[in-house]
Amino acid sequence: MTDSNYTRVYTGNFAQVQSIVSRLKELGISAVVRDDAESARLGGFGAPAGMQQIFVHKDELDKAVPLVQEMSANI
C-alpha cells in the first residue's frame, strides 16, 4: 500500500484477518485488507496462498492498535 496515510497494523492468515477486521468495523474503523497472493492470482500469475495485511488510516491508529494487540495475543 503506497498511501502514506495508512499504516499496517497486522499480518496474518485469512481467518485471523477477517476476525480482526470484523472487530475493527464494530468500533467504526474502516480497515483495508491487502492480499498480494490474491492480487497476483487475479492478474493471471500463479502465486501460493499467503498472508494478508490489515491497514488502517493513521487517524484511527490510536483506536485500532490496542484492539489488534489484544486480539493477536489471543491467536
PDB file of N, CA and C in Angstrom:
ATOM      1  N   MET A   1       0.861  -1.164   0.000  1.00  0.00           N
ATOM      2  CA  MET A   1       0.000   0.000   0.000  1.00  0.00           C
ATOM      3  C   MET A   1       0.907   1.226   0.000  1.00  0.00           C
ATOM      4  N   THR A   2       0.758   2.073  -0.976  1.00  0.00           N
ATOM      5  CA  THR A   2       1.669   3.196  -1.131  1.00  0.00           C
ATOM      6  C   THR A   2       1.165   4.485  -0.507  1.00  0.00           C
ATOM      7  N   ASP A   3      -0.083   4.536  -0.086  1.00  0.00           N
ATOM      8  CA  ASP A   3      -0.648   5.743   0.511  1.00  0.00           C
ATOM      9  C   ASP A   3      -0.085   5.905   1.918  1.00  0.00           C
ATOM     10  N   SER A   4       0.664   6.972   2.149  1.00  0.00           N
ATOM     11  CA  SER A   4       1.322   7.168   3.441  1.00  0.00           C
ATOM     12  C   SER A   4       0.340   7.519   4.552  1.00  0.00           C
ATOM     13  N   ASN A   5      -0.944   7.678   4.234  1.00  0.00           N
ATOM     14  CA  ASN A   5      -1.940   7.934   5.259  1.00  0.00           C
ATOM     15  C   ASN A   5      -2.413   6.657   5.936  1.00  0.00           C
ATOM     16  N   TYR A   6      -1.955   5.504   5.448  1.00  0.00           N
ATOM     17  CA  TYR A   6      -2.340   4.224   6.017  1.00  0.00           C
ATOM     18  C   TYR A   6      -1.122   3.518   6.592  1.00  0.00           C
ATOM     19  N   THR A   7      -1.354   2.797   7.688  1.00  0.00           N
ATOM     20  CA  THR A   7      -0.286   2.082   8.366  1.00  0.00           C
ATOM     21  C   THR A   7      -0.705   0.631   8.556  1.00  0.00           C
ATOM     22  N   ARG A   8       0.239  -0.282   8.307  1.00  0.00           N
ATOM     23  CA  ARG A   8      -0.040  -1.707   8.518  1.00  0.00           C
ATOM     24  C   ARG A   8      -0.068  -1.972  10.019  1.00  0.00           C
ATOM     25  N   VAL A   9      -1.135  -2.635  10.470  1.00  0.00           N
ATOM     26  CA  VAL A   9      -1.267  -2.938  11.890  1.00  0.00           C
ATOM     27  C   VAL A   9      -1.248  -4.436  12.179  1.00  0.00           C
ATOM     28  N   TYR A  10      -1.376  -5.267  11.125  1.00  0.00           N
ATOM     29  CA  TYR A  10      -1.393  -6.705  11.363  1.00  0.00           C
ATOM     30  C   TYR A  10      -1.148  -7.458  10.072  1.00  0.00           C
ATOM     31  N   THR A  11      -0.510  -8.608  10.195  1.00  0.00           N
ATOM     32  CA  THR A  11      -0.336  -9.544   9.091  1.00  0.00           C
ATOM     33  C   THR A  11      -0.665 -10.934   9.614  1.00  0.00           C
ATOM     34  N   GLY A  12      -1.532 -11.651   8.900  1.00  0.00           N
ATOM     35  CA  GLY A  12      -1.906 -12.992   9.331  1.00  0.00           C
ATOM     36  C   GLY A  12      -2.670 -13.721   8.252  1.00  0.00           C
ATOM     37  N   ASN A  13      -3.169 -14.898   8.611  1.00  0.00           N
ATOM     38  CA  ASN A  13      -3.918 -15.679   7.625  1.00  0.00           C
ATOM     39  C   ASN A  13      -5.332 -15.127   7.480  1.00  0.00           C
ATOM     40  N   PHE A  14      -6.063 -15.658   6.512  1.00  0.00           N
ATOM     41  CA  PHE A  14      -7.388 -15.153   6.169  1.00  0.00           C
ATOM     42  C   PHE A  14      -8.325 -15.105   7.374  1.00  0.00           C
ATOM     43  N   ALA A  15      -8.404 -16.193   8.128  1.00  0.00           N
ATOM     44  CA  ALA A  15      -9.334 -16.264   9.256  1.00  0.00           C
ATOM     45  C   ALA A  15      -8.992 -15.234  10.325  1.00  0.00           C
ATOM     46  N   GLN A  16      -7.716 -15.112  10.644  1.00  0.00           N
ATOM     47  CA  GLN A  16      -7.292 -14.136  11.648  1.00  0.00           C
ATOM     48  C   GLN A  16      -7.621 -12.723  11.201  1.00  0.00           C
ATOM     49  N   VAL A  17      -7.298 -12.424   9.962  1.00  0.00           N
ATOM     50  CA  VAL A  17      -7.523 -11.078   9.427  1.00  0.00           C
ATOM     51  C   VAL A  17      -9.009 -10.751   9.417  1.00  0.00           C
ATOM     52  N   GLN A  18      -9.847 -11.673   8.978  1.00  0.00           N
ATOM     53  CA  GLN A  18     -11.278 -11.411   8.923  1.00  0.00           C
ATOM     54  C   GLN A  18     -11.859 -11.175  10.313  1.00  0.00           C
ATOM     55  N   SER A  19     -11.379 -11.910  11.293  1.00  0.00           N
ATOM     56  CA  SER A  19     -11.835 -11.734  12.667  1.00  0.00           C
ATOM     57  C   SER A  19     -11.484 -10.341  13.185  1.00  0.00           C
ATOM     58  N   ILE A  20     -10.257  -9.913  12.949  1.00  0.00           N
ATOM     59  CA  ILE A  20      -9.812  -8.595  13.406  1.00  0.00           C
ATOM     60  C   ILE A  20     -10.545  -7.487  12.659  1.00  0.00           C
ATOM     61  N   VAL A  21     -10.701  -7.632  11.353  1.00  0.00           N
ATOM     62  CA  VAL A  21     -11.401  -6.614  10.560  1.00  0.00           C
ATOM     63  C   VAL A  21     -12.843  -6.472  11.043  1.00  0.00           C
ATOM     64  N   SER A  22     -13.485  -7.579  11.373  1.00  0.00           N
ATOM     65  CA  SER A  22     -14.850  -7.537  11.877  1.00  0.00           C
ATOM     66  C   SER A  22     -14.936  -6.735  13.172  1.00  0.00           C
ATOM     67  N   ARG A  23     -14.003  -6.963  14.076  1.00  0.00           N
ATOM     68  CA  ARG A  23     -13.992  -6.208  15.343  1.00  0.00           C
ATOM     69  C   ARG A  23     -13.677  -4.741  15.115  1.00  0.00           C
ATOM     70  N   LEU A  24     -12.774  -4.451  14.179  1.00  0.00           N
ATOM     71  CA  LEU A  24     -12.473  -3.050  13.868  1.00  0.00           C
ATOM     72  C   LEU A  24     -13.714  -2.343  13.344  1.00  0.00           C
ATOM     73  N   LYS A  25     -14.474  -3.019  12.494  1.00  0.00           N
ATOM     74  CA  LYS A  25     -15.709  -2.435  11.968  1.00  0.00           C
ATOM     75  C   LYS A  25     -16.695  -2.120  13.079  1.00  0.00           C
ATOM     76  N   GLU A  26     -16.762  -2.986  14.097  1.00  0.00           N
ATOM     77  CA  GLU A  26     -17.637  -2.747  15.238  1.00  0.00           C
ATOM     78  C   GLU A  26     -17.279  -1.445  15.953  1.00  0.00           C
ATOM     79  N   LEU A  27     -15.993  -1.073  15.902  1.00  0.00           N
ATOM     80  CA  LEU A  27     -15.536   0.177  16.511  1.00  0.00           C
ATOM     81  C   LEU A  27     -15.645   1.363  15.561  1.00  0.00           C
ATOM     82  N   GLY A  28     -16.131   1.099  14.354  1.00  0.00           N
ATOM     83  CA  GLY A  28     -16.264   2.172  13.372  1.00  0.00           C
ATOM     84  C   GLY A  28     -14.983   2.476  12.623  1.00  0.00           C
ATOM     85  N   ILE A  29     -14.054   1.532  12.642  1.00  0.00           N
ATOM     86  CA  ILE A  29     -12.772   1.710  11.959  1.00  0.00           C
ATOM     87  C   ILE A  29     -12.828   0.998  10.616  1.00  0.00           C
ATOM     88  N   SER A  30     -12.545   1.727   9.559  1.00  0.00           N
ATOM     89  CA  SER A  30     -12.524   1.152   8.213  1.00  0.00           C
ATOM     90  C   SER A  30     -11.123   0.640   7.909  1.00  0.00           C
ATOM     91  N   ALA A  31     -10.983  -0.660   7.910  1.00  0.00           N
ATOM     92  CA  ALA A  31      -9.690  -1.276   7.631  1.00  0.00           C
ATOM     93  C   ALA A  31      -9.595  -1.648   6.159  1.00  0.00           C
ATOM     94  N   VAL A  32      -8.385  -1.635   5.646  1.00  0.00           N
ATOM     95  CA  VAL A  32      -8.112  -2.052   4.279  1.00  0.00           C
ATOM     96  C   VAL A  32      -7.298  -3.340   4.357  1.00  0.00           C
ATOM     97  N   VAL A  33      -7.750  -4.371   3.638  1.00  0.00           N
ATOM     98  CA  VAL A  33      -7.036  -5.651   3.627  1.00  0.00           C
ATOM     99  C   VAL A  33      -6.299  -5.780   2.311  1.00  0.00           C
ATOM    100  N   ARG A  34      -5.036  -6.127   2.418  1.00  0.00           N
ATOM    101  CA  ARG A  34      -4.196  -6.315   1.232  1.00  0.00           C
ATOM    102  C   ARG A  34      -3.774  -7.780   1.169  1.00  0.00           C
ATOM    103  N   ASP A  35      -3.993  -8.391   0.028  1.00  0.00           N
ATOM    104  CA  ASP A  35      -3.650  -9.793  -0.190  1.00  0.00           C
ATOM    105  C   ASP A  35      -2.882  -9.887  -1.501  1.00  0.00           C
ATOM    106  N   ASP A  36      -1.560  -9.888  -1.417  1.00  0.00           N
ATOM    107  CA  ASP A  36      -0.723  -9.898  -2.608  1.00  0.00           C
ATOM    108  C   ASP A  36      -0.891 -11.172  -3.423  1.00  0.00           C
ATOM    109  N   ALA A  37      -1.092 -12.308  -2.753  1.00  0.00           N
ATOM    110  CA  ALA A  37      -1.254 -13.567  -3.482  1.00  0.00           C
ATOM    111  C   ALA A  37      -2.546 -13.543  -4.298  1.00  0.00           C
ATOM    112  N   GLU A  38      -3.618 -13.028  -3.715  1.00  0.00           N
ATOM    113  CA  GLU A  38      -4.891 -12.954  -4.440  1.00  0.00           C
ATOM    114  C   GLU A  38      -4.782 -11.969  -5.601  1.00  0.00           C
ATOM    115  N   SER A  39      -4.099 -10.875  -5.385  1.00  0.00           N
ATOM    116  CA  SER A  39      -3.902  -9.905  -6.468  1.00  0.00           C
ATOM    117  C   SER A  39      -3.140 -10.535  -7.621  1.00  0.00           C
ATOM    118  N   ALA A  40      -2.123 -11.322  -7.300  1.00  0.00           N
ATOM    119  CA  ALA A  40      -1.348 -11.992  -8.342  1.00  0.00           C
ATOM    120  C   ALA A  40      -2.212 -13.000  -9.095  1.00  0.00           C
ATOM    121  N   ARG A  41      -3.036 -13.737  -8.360  1.00  0.00           N
ATOM    122  CA  ARG A  41      -3.912 -14.730  -8.987  1.00  0.00           C
ATOM    123  C   ARG A  41      -4.893 -14.047  -9.935  1.00  0.00           C
ATOM    124  N   LEU A  42      -5.497 -12.955  -9.474  1.00  0.00           N
ATOM    125  CA  LEU A  42      -6.451 -12.239 -10.317  1.00  0.00           C
ATOM    126  C   LEU A  42      -5.776 -11.623 -11.534  1.00  0.00           C
ATOM    127  N   GLY A  43      -4.495 -11.333 -11.413  1.00  0.00           N
ATOM    128  CA  GLY A  43      -3.747 -10.767 -12.527  1.00  0.00           C
ATOM    129  C   GLY A  43      -3.249 -11.826 -13.501  1.00  0.00           C
ATOM    130  N   GLY A  44      -3.542 -13.101 -13.203  1.00  0.00           N
ATOM    131  CA  GLY A  44      -3.139 -14.175 -14.100  1.00  0.00           C
ATOM    132  C   GLY A  44      -1.794 -14.789 -13.769  1.00  0.00           C
ATOM    133  N   PHE A  45      -1.242 -14.454 -12.634  1.00  0.00           N
ATOM    134  CA  PHE A  45       0.042 -15.006 -12.215  1.00  0.00           C
ATOM    135  C   PHE A  45      -0.199 -16.060 -11.154  1.00  0.00           C
ATOM    136  N   GLY A  46       0.567 -17.114 -11.189  1.00  0.00           N
ATOM    137  CA  GLY A  46       0.463 -18.139 -10.161  1.00  0.00           C
ATOM    138  C   GLY A  46       1.156 -17.673  -8.903  1.00  0.00           C
ATOM    139  N   ALA A  47       0.493 -17.817  -7.779  1.00  0.00           N
ATOM    140  CA  ALA A  47       1.093 -17.432  -6.503  1.00  0.00           C
ATOM    141  C   ALA A  47       0.516 -18.299  -5.405  1.00  0.00           C
ATOM    142  N   PRO A  48       1.369 -18.777  -4.498  1.00  0.00           N
ATOM    143  CA  PRO A  48       0.845 -19.564  -3.387  1.00  0.00           C
ATOM    144  C   PRO A  48       0.047 -18.668  -2.438  1.00  0.00           C
ATOM    145  N   ALA A  49      -0.898 -19.275  -1.747  1.00  0.00           N
ATOM    146  CA  ALA A  49      -1.671 -18.508  -0.768  1.00  0.00           C
ATOM    147  C   ALA A  49      -0.722 -17.957   0.286  1.00  0.00           C
ATOM    148  N   GLY A  50      -0.945 -16.740   0.640  1.00  0.00           N
ATOM    149  CA  GLY A  50      -0.046 -16.110   1.591  1.00  0.00           C
ATOM    150  C   GLY A  50      -0.794 -15.424   2.699  1.00  0.00           C
ATOM    151  N   MET A  51      -0.100 -14.553   3.321  1.00  0.00           N
ATOM    152  CA  MET A  51      -0.657 -13.811   4.426  1.00  0.00           C
ATOM    153  C   MET A  51      -1.320 -12.538   3.918  1.00  0.00           C
ATOM    154  N   GLN A  52      -2.308 -12.103   4.646  1.00  0.00           N
ATOM    155  CA  GLN A  52      -2.978 -10.850   4.338  1.00  0.00           C
ATOM    156  C   GLN A  52      -2.504  -9.790   5.321  1.00  0.00           C
ATOM    157  N   GLN A  53      -2.618  -8.549   4.901  1.00  0.00           N
ATOM    158  CA  GLN A  53      -2.198  -7.440   5.747  1.00  0.00           C
ATOM    159  C   GLN A  53      -3.394  -6.531   5.998  1.00  0.00           C
ATOM    160  N   ILE A  54      -3.466  -5.993   7.221  1.00  0.00           N
ATOM    161  CA  ILE A  54      -4.508  -5.040   7.576  1.00  0.00           C
ATOM    162  C   ILE A  54      -3.862  -3.670   7.710  1.00  0.00           C
ATOM    163  N   PHE A  55      -4.460  -2.688   7.033  1.00  0.00           N
ATOM    164  CA  PHE A  55      -4.019  -1.305   7.120  1.00  0.00           C
ATOM    165  C   PHE A  55      -5.162  -0.462   7.669  1.00  0.00           C
ATOM    166  N   VAL A  56      -4.831   0.532   8.489  1.00  0.00           N
ATOM    167  CA  VAL A  56      -5.829   1.490   8.946  1.00  0.00           C
ATOM    168  C   VAL A  56      -5.289   2.893   8.714  1.00  0.00           C
ATOM    169  N   HIS A  57      -6.214   3.827   8.587  1.00  0.00           N
ATOM    170  CA  HIS A  57      -5.833   5.227   8.394  1.00  0.00           C
ATOM    171  C   HIS A  57      -5.124   5.710   9.647  1.00  0.00           C
ATOM    172  N   LYS A  58      -4.113   6.535   9.468  1.00  0.00           N
ATOM    173  CA  LYS A  58      -3.313   6.987  10.606  1.00  0.00           C
ATOM    174  C   LYS A  58      -4.143   7.717  11.652  1.00  0.00           C
ATOM    175  N   ASP A  59      -5.264   8.303  11.260  1.00  0.00           N
ATOM    176  CA  ASP A  59      -6.134   8.978  12.221  1.00  0.00           C
ATOM    177  C   ASP A  59      -6.854   7.995  13.142  1.00  0.00           C
ATOM    178  N   GLU A  60      -6.885   6.724  12.770  1.00  0.00           N
ATOM    179  CA  GLU A  60      -7.581   5.709  13.561  1.00  0.00           C
ATOM    180  C   GLU A  60      -6.631   4.761  14.293  1.00  0.00           C
ATOM    181  N   LEU A  61      -5.342   5.023  14.203  1.00  0.00           N
ATOM    182  CA  LEU A  61      -4.354   4.142  14.832  1.00  0.00           C
ATOM    183  C   LEU A  61      -4.554   4.020  16.340  1.00  0.00           C
ATOM    184  N   ASP A  62      -4.849   5.120  17.009  1.00  0.00           N
ATOM    185  CA  ASP A  62      -4.989   5.086  18.471  1.00  0.00           C
ATOM    186  C   ASP A  62      -6.085   4.139  18.929  1.00  0.00           C
ATOM    187  N   LYS A  63      -7.144   4.004  18.139  1.00  0.00           N
ATOM    188  CA  LYS A  63      -8.225   3.084  18.482  1.00  0.00           C
ATOM    189  C   LYS A  63      -7.932   1.667  17.994  1.00  0.00           C
ATOM    190  N   ALA A  64      -7.274   1.554  16.857  1.00  0.00           N
ATOM    191  CA  ALA A  64      -7.082   0.244  16.232  1.00  0.00           C
ATOM    192  C   ALA A  64      -5.982  -0.588  16.886  1.00  0.00           C
ATOM    193  N   VAL A  65      -4.871   0.027  17.201  1.00  0.00           N
ATOM    194  CA  VAL A  65      -3.702  -0.732  17.682  1.00  0.00           C
ATOM    195  C   VAL A  65      -3.997  -1.520  18.965  1.00  0.00           C
ATOM    196  N   PRO A  66      -4.622  -0.926  19.988  1.00  0.00           N
ATOM    197  CA  PRO A  66      -4.888  -1.726  21.191  1.00  0.00           C
ATOM    198  C   PRO A  66      -5.768  -2.952  20.913  1.00  0.00           C
ATOM    199  N   LEU A  67      -6.769  -2.795  20.059  1.00  0.00           N
ATOM    200  CA  LEU A  67      -7.625  -3.917  19.716  1.00  0.00           C
ATOM    201  C   LEU A  67      -6.838  -5.005  18.991  1.00  0.00           C
ATOM    202  N   VAL A  68      -6.033  -4.611  18.021  1.00  0.00           N
ATOM    203  CA  VAL A  68      -5.240  -5.578  17.259  1.00  0.00           C
ATOM    204  C   VAL A  68      -4.261  -6.291  18.178  1.00  0.00           C
ATOM    205  N   GLN A  69      -3.623  -5.569  19.068  1.00  0.00           N
ATOM    206  CA  GLN A  69      -2.684  -6.187  20.012  1.00  0.00           C
ATOM    207  C   GLN A  69      -3.385  -7.201  20.918  1.00  0.00           C
ATOM    208  N   GLU A  70      -4.553  -6.832  21.407  1.00  0.00           N
ATOM    209  CA  GLU A  70      -5.319  -7.726  22.282  1.00  0.00           C
ATOM    210  C   GLU A  70      -5.722  -8.992  21.530  1.00  0.00           C
ATOM    211  N   MET A  71      -6.248  -8.819  20.341  1.00  0.00           N
ATOM    212  CA  MET A  71      -6.704  -9.976  19.573  1.00  0.00           C
ATOM    213  C   MET A  71      -5.547 -10.857  19.114  1.00  0.00           C
ATOM    214  N   SER A  72      -4.450 -10.255  18.690  1.00  0.00           N
ATOM    215  CA  SER A  72      -3.324 -11.067  18.221  1.00  0.00           C
ATOM    216  C   SER A  72      -2.654 -11.816  19.355  1.00  0.00           C
ATOM    217  N   ALA A  73      -2.755 -11.307  20.571  1.00  0.00           N
ATOM    218  CA  ALA A  73      -2.199 -12.029  21.733  1.00  0.00           C
ATOM    219  C   ALA A  73      -2.991 -13.284  22.033  1.00  0.00           C
ATOM    220  N   ASN A  74      -4.258 -13.282  21.636  1.00  0.00           N
ATOM    221  CA  ASN A  74      -5.134 -14.434  21.892  1.00  0.00           C
ATOM    222  C   ASN A  74      -5.191 -15.422  20.733  1.00  0.00           C
ATOM    223  N   ILE A  75      -4.476 -15.148  19.675  1.00  0.00           N
ATOM    224  CA  ILE A  75      -4.489 -16.028  18.497  1.00  0.00           C
ATOM    225  C   ILE A  75      -3.422 -17.087  18.642  1.00  0.00           C
TER     226      ILE A  75
END
